Amino acid sequence: MNAKLQNLMMKAENKGIEKGIEKGREEGREEEKTNMIFHMLKEKFDVKTIMRTLNVSEETIKKSKRQCNEN
């Protein structure tokens, strides 16, 4: 395999790795937000306060609530 082709393959592989890392970070942020919503609901914060504090929609809070009730 020539050096140019090998270099292109390494760049493509690195892009894939970078995308995977970013996806993992996004999933981690979403999981943490869900966890924060759960704890805020548990502490009796009202939905509007959670929406403003975490910059999430009411639907996101409902979805998080359902997920927490399932576990």
PDB file of N, CA and C in Angstrom:
ATOM      1  N   MET A   1       0.854  -1.167   0.000  1.00  0.00           N
ATOM      2  CA  MET A   1       0.000   0.000   0.000  1.00  0.00           C
ATOM      3  C   MET A   1       0.903   1.233   0.000  1.00  0.00           C
ATOM      4  N   ASN A   2       0.566   2.186  -0.862  1.00  0.00           N
ATOM      5  CA  ASN A   2       1.416   3.369  -0.918  1.00  0.00           C
ATOM      6  C   ASN A   2       1.110   4.316   0.239  1.00  0.00           C
ATOM      7  N   ALA A   3       2.026   5.220   0.496  1.00  0.00           N
ATOM      8  CA  ALA A   3       1.940   6.113   1.651  1.00  0.00           C
ATOM      9  C   ALA A   3       0.728   7.038   1.561  1.00  0.00           C
ATOM     10  N   LYS A   4       0.399   7.498   0.358  1.00  0.00           N
ATOM     11  CA  LYS A   4      -0.733   8.411   0.191  1.00  0.00           C
ATOM     12  C   LYS A   4      -2.051   7.725   0.570  1.00  0.00           C
ATOM     13  N   LEU A   5      -2.237   6.516   0.098  1.00  0.00           N
ATOM     14  CA  LEU A   5      -3.453   5.767   0.407  1.00  0.00           C
ATOM     15  C   LEU A   5      -3.526   5.458   1.910  1.00  0.00           C
ATOM     16  N   GLN A   6      -2.385   5.095   2.469  1.00  0.00           N
ATOM     17  CA  GLN A   6      -2.332   4.789   3.892  1.00  0.00           C
ATOM     18  C   GLN A   6      -2.687   6.036   4.721  1.00  0.00           C
ATOM     19  N   ASN A   7      -2.197   7.185   4.300  1.00  0.00           N
ATOM     20  CA  ASN A   7      -2.486   8.442   4.978  1.00  0.00           C
ATOM     21  C   ASN A   7      -3.984   8.755   4.915  1.00  0.00           C
ATOM     22  N   LEU A   8      -4.604   8.560   3.746  1.00  0.00           N
ATOM     23  CA  LEU A   8      -6.039   8.797   3.594  1.00  0.00           C
ATOM     24  C   LEU A   8      -6.850   7.876   4.499  1.00  0.00           C
ATOM     25  N   MET A   9      -6.433   6.620   4.585  1.00  0.00           N
ATOM     26  CA  MET A   9      -7.141   5.662   5.422  1.00  0.00           C
ATOM     27  C   MET A   9      -7.030   6.039   6.899  1.00  0.00           C
ATOM     28  N   MET A  10      -5.856   6.514   7.321  1.00  0.00           N
ATOM     29  CA  MET A  10      -5.665   6.923   8.706  1.00  0.00           C
ATOM     30  C   MET A  10      -6.522   8.141   9.036  1.00  0.00           C
ATOM     31  N   LYS A  11      -6.615   9.087   8.098  1.00  0.00           N
ATOM     32  CA  LYS A  11      -7.456  10.273   8.316  1.00  0.00           C
ATOM     33  C   LYS A  11      -8.920   9.874   8.467  1.00  0.00           C
ATOM     34  N   ALA A  12      -9.380   8.971   7.612  1.00  0.00           N
ATOM     35  CA  ALA A  12     -10.765   8.512   7.677  1.00  0.00           C
ATOM     36  C   ALA A  12     -11.027   7.804   9.006  1.00  0.00           C
ATOM     37  N   GLU A  13     -10.078   6.991   9.432  1.00  0.00           N
ATOM     38  CA  GLU A  13     -10.212   6.278  10.702  1.00  0.00           C
ATOM     39  C   GLU A  13     -10.258   7.266  11.865  1.00  0.00           C
ATOM     40  N   ASN A  14      -9.397   8.271  11.835  1.00  0.00           N
ATOM     41  CA  ASN A  14      -9.372   9.280  12.900  1.00  0.00           C
ATOM     42  C   ASN A  14     -10.677  10.061  12.947  1.00  0.00           C
ATOM     43  N   LYS A  15     -11.258  10.371  11.780  1.00  0.00           N
ATOM     44  CA  LYS A  15     -12.548  11.076  11.750  1.00  0.00           C
ATOM     45  C   LYS A  15     -13.627  10.212  12.403  1.00  0.00           C
ATOM     46  N   GLY A  16     -13.595   8.922  12.110  1.00  0.00           N
ATOM     47  CA  GLY A  16     -14.573   8.005  12.708  1.00  0.00           C
ATOM     48  C   GLY A  16     -14.429   7.947  14.215  1.00  0.00           C
ATOM     49  N   ILE A  17     -13.191   7.914  14.683  1.00  0.00           N
ATOM     50  CA  ILE A  17     -12.934   7.892  16.122  1.00  0.00           C
ATOM     51  C   ILE A  17     -13.435   9.185  16.762  1.00  0.00           C
ATOM     52  N   GLU A  18     -13.139  10.324  16.128  1.00  0.00           N
ATOM     53  CA  GLU A  18     -13.587  11.619  16.651  1.00  0.00           C
ATOM     54  C   GLU A  18     -15.109  11.691  16.717  1.00  0.00           C
ATOM     55  N   LYS A  19     -15.779  11.179  15.684  1.00  0.00           N
ATOM     56  CA  LYS A  19     -17.248  11.175  15.693  1.00  0.00           C
ATOM     57  C   LYS A  19     -17.772  10.303  16.826  1.00  0.00           C
ATOM     58  N   GLY A  20     -17.140   9.169  17.047  1.00  0.00           N
ATOM     59  CA  GLY A  20     -17.548   8.268  18.125  1.00  0.00           C
ATOM     60  C   GLY A  20     -17.371   8.906  19.491  1.00  0.00           C
ATOM     61  N   ILE A  21     -16.267   9.604  19.670  1.00  0.00           N
ATOM     62  CA  ILE A  21     -16.014  10.289  20.939  1.00  0.00           C
ATOM     63  C   ILE A  21     -17.063  11.363  21.170  1.00  0.00           C
ATOM     64  N   GLU A  22     -17.353  12.146  20.151  1.00  0.00           N
ATOM     65  CA  GLU A  22     -18.351  13.214  20.285  1.00  0.00           C
ATOM     66  C   GLU A  22     -19.730  12.640  20.581  1.00  0.00           C
ATOM     67  N   LYS A  23     -20.081  11.537  19.923  1.00  0.00           N
ATOM     68  CA  LYS A  23     -21.377  10.900  20.177  1.00  0.00           C
ATOM     69  C   LYS A  23     -21.456  10.432  21.635  1.00  0.00           C
ATOM     70  N   GLY A  24     -20.362   9.880  22.137  1.00  0.00           N
ATOM     71  CA  GLY A  24     -20.318   9.444  23.533  1.00  0.00           C
ATOM     72  C   GLY A  24     -20.499  10.611  24.493  1.00  0.00           C
ATOM     73  N   ARG A  25     -19.874  11.730  24.164  1.00  0.00           N
ATOM     74  CA  ARG A  25     -20.026  12.925  25.008  1.00  0.00           C
ATOM     75  C   ARG A  25     -21.471  13.403  25.013  1.00  0.00           C
ATOM     76  N   GLU A  26     -22.081  13.445  23.839  1.00  0.00           N
ATOM     77  CA  GLU A  26     -23.481  13.884  23.745  1.00  0.00           C
ATOM     78  C   GLU A  26     -24.388  12.976  24.560  1.00  0.00           C
ATOM     79  N   GLU A  27     -24.175  11.660  24.438  1.00  0.00           N
ATOM     80  CA  GLU A  27     -24.991  10.716  25.188  1.00  0.00           C
ATOM     81  C   GLU A  27     -24.791  10.901  26.693  1.00  0.00           C
ATOM     82  N   GLY A  28     -23.555  11.175  27.094  1.00  0.00           N
ATOM     83  CA  GLY A  28     -23.257  11.413  28.501  1.00  0.00           C
ATOM     84  C   GLY A  28     -23.956  12.662  29.023  1.00  0.00           C
ATOM     85  N   ARG A  29     -23.952  13.718  28.205  1.00  0.00           N
ATOM     86  CA  ARG A  29     -24.627  14.955  28.610  1.00  0.00           C
ATOM     87  C   ARG A  29     -26.129  14.718  28.752  1.00  0.00           C
ATOM     88  N   GLU A  30     -26.706  13.987  27.821  1.00  0.00           N
ATOM     89  CA  GLU A  30     -28.140  13.705  27.885  1.00  0.00           C
ATOM     90  C   GLU A  30     -28.479  12.838  29.098  1.00  0.00           C
ATOM     91  N   GLU A  31     -27.637  11.867  29.370  1.00  0.00           N
ATOM     92  CA  GLU A  31     -27.869  10.999  30.527  1.00  0.00           C
ATOM     93  C   GLU A  31     -27.791  11.810  31.820  1.00  0.00           C
ATOM     94  N   GLU A  32     -26.826  12.714  31.904  1.00  0.00           N
ATOM     95  CA  GLU A  32     -26.691  13.550  33.091  1.00  0.00           C
ATOM     96  C   GLU A  32     -27.891  14.486  33.236  1.00  0.00           C
ATOM     97  N   LYS A  33     -28.368  15.014  32.122  1.00  0.00           N
ATOM     98  CA  LYS A  33     -29.534  15.906  32.169  1.00  0.00           C
ATOM     99  C   LYS A  33     -30.757  15.133  32.661  1.00  0.00           C
ATOM    100  N   THR A  34     -30.942  13.918  32.178  1.00  0.00           N
ATOM    101  CA  THR A  34     -32.046  13.072  32.625  1.00  0.00           C
ATOM    102  C   THR A  34     -31.935  12.812  34.122  1.00  0.00           C
ATOM    103  N   ASN A  35     -30.726  12.550  34.583  1.00  0.00           N
ATOM    104  CA  ASN A  35     -30.483  12.311  36.009  1.00  0.00           C
ATOM    105  C   ASN A  35     -30.815  13.554  36.834  1.00  0.00           C
ATOM    106  N   MET A  36     -30.430  14.721  36.345  1.00  0.00           N
ATOM    107  CA  MET A  36     -30.725  15.967  37.053  1.00  0.00           C
ATOM    108  C   MET A  36     -32.229  16.219  37.104  1.00  0.00           C
ATOM    109  N   ILE A  37     -32.915  15.960  35.982  1.00  0.00           N
ATOM    110  CA  ILE A  37     -34.379  16.125  35.960  1.00  0.00           C
ATOM    111  C   ILE A  37     -35.017  15.220  37.005  1.00  0.00           C
ATOM    112  N   PHE A  38     -34.585  13.958  37.035  1.00  0.00           N
ATOM    113  CA  PHE A  38     -35.131  13.001  38.000  1.00  0.00           C
ATOM    114  C   PHE A  38     -34.968  13.524  39.428  1.00  0.00           C
ATOM    115  N   HIS A  39     -33.764  13.980  39.765  1.00  0.00           N
ATOM    116  CA  HIS A  39     -33.512  14.451  41.127  1.00  0.00           C
ATOM    117  C   HIS A  39     -34.269  15.735  41.439  1.00  0.00           C
ATOM    118  N   MET A  40     -34.408  16.602  40.463  1.00  0.00           N
ATOM    119  CA  MET A  40     -35.168  17.833  40.692  1.00  0.00           C
ATOM    120  C   MET A  40     -36.647  17.519  40.914  1.00  0.00           C
ATOM    121  N   LEU A  41     -37.178  16.579  40.144  1.00  0.00           N
ATOM    122  CA  LEU A  41     -38.572  16.166  40.346  1.00  0.00           C
ATOM    123  C   LEU A  41     -38.753  15.528  41.722  1.00  0.00           C
ATOM    124  N   LYS A  42     -37.789  14.710  42.100  1.00  0.00           N
ATOM    125  CA  LYS A  42     -37.821  14.041  43.394  1.00  0.00           C
ATOM    126  C   LYS A  42     -37.824  15.067  44.537  1.00  0.00           C
ATOM    127  N   GLU A  43     -37.128  16.180  44.330  1.00  0.00           N
ATOM    128  CA  GLU A  43     -37.062  17.241  45.339  1.00  0.00           C
ATOM    129  C   GLU A  43     -38.227  18.228  45.203  1.00  0.00           C
ATOM    130  N   LYS A  44     -39.194  17.882  44.345  1.00  0.00           N
ATOM    131  CA  LYS A  44     -40.425  18.657  44.178  1.00  0.00           C
ATOM    132  C   LYS A  44     -40.241  20.020  43.494  1.00  0.00           C
ATOM    133  N   PHE A  45     -39.204  20.132  42.627  1.00  0.00           N
ATOM    134  CA  PHE A  45     -39.087  21.346  41.816  1.00  0.00           C
ATOM    135  C   PHE A  45     -40.234  21.344  40.821  1.00  0.00           C
ATOM    136  N   ASP A  46     -40.785  22.506  40.537  1.00  0.00           N
ATOM    137  CA  ASP A  46     -41.862  22.537  39.556  1.00  0.00           C
ATOM    138  C   ASP A  46     -41.265  22.466  38.144  1.00  0.00           C
ATOM    139  N   VAL A  47     -42.086  22.029  37.214  1.00  0.00           N
ATOM    140  CA  VAL A  47     -41.652  21.779  35.833  1.00  0.00           C
ATOM    141  C   VAL A  47     -41.070  23.031  35.184  1.00  0.00           C
ATOM    142  N   LYS A  48     -41.685  24.171  35.396  1.00  0.00           N
ATOM    143  CA  LYS A  48     -41.191  25.407  34.772  1.00  0.00           C
ATOM    144  C   LYS A  48     -39.796  25.770  35.260  1.00  0.00           C
ATOM    145  N   THR A  49     -39.537  25.545  36.537  1.00  0.00           N
ATOM    146  CA  THR A  49     -38.200  25.819  37.071  1.00  0.00           C
ATOM    147  C   THR A  49     -37.179  24.890  36.434  1.00  0.00           C
ATOM    148  N   ILE A  50     -37.516  23.626  36.291  1.00  0.00           N
ATOM    149  CA  ILE A  50     -36.617  22.660  35.654  1.00  0.00           C
ATOM    150  C   ILE A  50     -36.367  23.059  34.203  1.00  0.00           C
ATOM    151  N   MET A  51     -37.427  23.458  33.517  1.00  0.00           N
ATOM    152  CA  MET A  51     -37.296  23.863  32.110  1.00  0.00           C
ATOM    153  C   MET A  51     -36.318  25.029  31.972  1.00  0.00           C
ATOM    154  N   ARG A  52     -36.468  26.032  32.827  1.00  0.00           N
ATOM    155  CA  ARG A  52     -35.593  27.214  32.757  1.00  0.00           C
ATOM    156  C   ARG A  52     -34.165  26.875  33.172  1.00  0.00           C
ATOM    157  N   THR A  53     -34.032  26.118  34.239  1.00  0.00           N
ATOM    158  CA  THR A  53     -32.711  25.820  34.794  1.00  0.00           C
ATOM    159  C   THR A  53     -31.872  24.966  33.842  1.00  0.00           C
ATOM    160  N   LEU A  54     -32.488  23.941  33.280  1.00  0.00           N
ATOM    161  CA  LEU A  54     -31.744  23.001  32.427  1.00  0.00           C
ATOM    162  C   LEU A  54     -31.916  23.267  30.939  1.00  0.00           C
ATOM    163  N   ASN A  55     -32.724  24.271  30.605  1.00  0.00           N
ATOM    164  CA  ASN A  55     -32.979  24.611  29.206  1.00  0.00           C
ATOM    165  C   ASN A  55     -33.509  23.400  28.427  1.00  0.00           C
ATOM    166  N   VAL A  56     -34.572  22.810  28.968  1.00  0.00           N
ATOM    167  CA  VAL A  56     -35.197  21.652  28.335  1.00  0.00           C
ATOM    168  C   VAL A  56     -36.685  21.920  28.138  1.00  0.00           C
ATOM    169  N   SER A  57     -37.281  21.141  27.264  1.00  0.00           N
ATOM    170  CA  SER A  57     -38.715  21.287  27.000  1.00  0.00           C
ATOM    171  C   SER A  57     -39.530  20.484  28.014  1.00  0.00           C
ATOM    172  N   GLU A  58     -40.791  20.799  28.069  1.00  0.00           N
ATOM    173  CA  GLU A  58     -41.698  20.054  28.946  1.00  0.00           C
ATOM    174  C   GLU A  58     -41.763  18.588  28.499  1.00  0.00           C
ATOM    175  N   GLU A  59     -41.712  18.367  27.199  1.00  0.00           N
ATOM    176  CA  GLU A  59     -41.736  16.998  26.666  1.00  0.00           C
ATOM    177  C   GLU A  59     -40.504  16.209  27.133  1.00  0.00           C
ATOM    178  N   THR A  60     -39.347  16.856  27.184  1.00  0.00           N
ATOM    179  CA  THR A  60     -38.130  16.195  27.673  1.00  0.00           C
ATOM    180  C   THR A  60     -38.296  15.784  29.128  1.00  0.00           C
ATOM    181  N   ILE A  61     -38.924  16.640  29.916  1.00  0.00           N
ATOM    182  CA  ILE A  61     -39.153  16.330  31.324  1.00  0.00           C
ATOM    183  C   ILE A  61     -40.116  15.148  31.448  1.00  0.00           C
ATOM    184  N   LYS A  62     -41.179  15.151  30.659  1.00  0.00           N
ATOM    185  CA  LYS A  62     -42.132  14.038  30.686  1.00  0.00           C
ATOM    186  C   LYS A  62     -41.445  12.731  30.287  1.00  0.00           C
ATOM    187  N   LYS A  63     -40.615  12.798  29.261  1.00  0.00           N
ATOM    188  CA  LYS A  63     -39.884  11.614  28.784  1.00  0.00           C
ATOM    189  C   LYS A  63     -38.948  11.103  29.878  1.00  0.00           C
ATOM    190  N   SER A  64     -38.240  12.009  30.527  1.00  0.00           N
ATOM    191  CA  SER A  64     -37.339  11.626  31.608  1.00  0.00           C
ATOM    192  C   SER A  64     -38.104  10.999  32.771  1.00  0.00           C
ATOM    193  N   LYS A  65     -39.254  11.572  33.060  1.00  0.00           N
ATOM    194  CA  LYS A  65     -40.105  11.071  34.141  1.00  0.00           C
ATOM    195  C   LYS A  65     -40.540   9.635  33.841  1.00  0.00           C
ATOM    196  N   ARG A  66     -40.938   9.388  32.592  1.00  0.00           N
ATOM    197  CA  ARG A  66     -41.338   8.027  32.195  1.00  0.00           C
ATOM    198  C   ARG A  66     -40.174   7.063  32.326  1.00  0.00           C
ATOM    199  N   GLN A  67     -38.983   7.478  31.882  1.00  0.00           N
ATOM    200  CA  GLN A  67     -37.814   6.615  31.958  1.00  0.00           C
ATOM    201  C   GLN A  67     -37.484   6.273  33.404  1.00  0.00           C
ATOM    202  N   CYS A  68     -37.572   7.244  34.273  1.00  0.00           N
ATOM    203  CA  CYS A  68     -37.271   7.027  35.682  1.00  0.00           C
ATOM    204  C   CYS A  68     -38.292   6.100  36.335  1.00  0.00           C
ATOM    205  N   ASN A  69     -39.552   6.224  35.929  1.00  0.00           N
ATOM    206  CA  ASN A  69     -40.599   5.362  36.481  1.00  0.00           C
ATOM    207  C   ASN A  69     -40.449   3.923  36.020  1.00  0.00           C
ATOM    208  N   GLU A  70     -39.840   3.722  34.847  1.00  0.00           N
ATOM    209  CA  GLU A  70     -39.640   2.385  34.320  1.00  0.00           C
ATOM    210  C   GLU A  70     -38.534   1.658  35.073  1.00  0.00           C
ATOM    211  N   ASN A  71     -37.586   2.405  35.629  1.00  0.00           N
ATOM    212  CA  ASN A  71     -36.438   1.785  36.302  1.00  0.00           C
ATOM    213  C   ASN A  71     -36.665   1.557  37.742  1.00  0.00           C
TER     214      ASN A  71
END
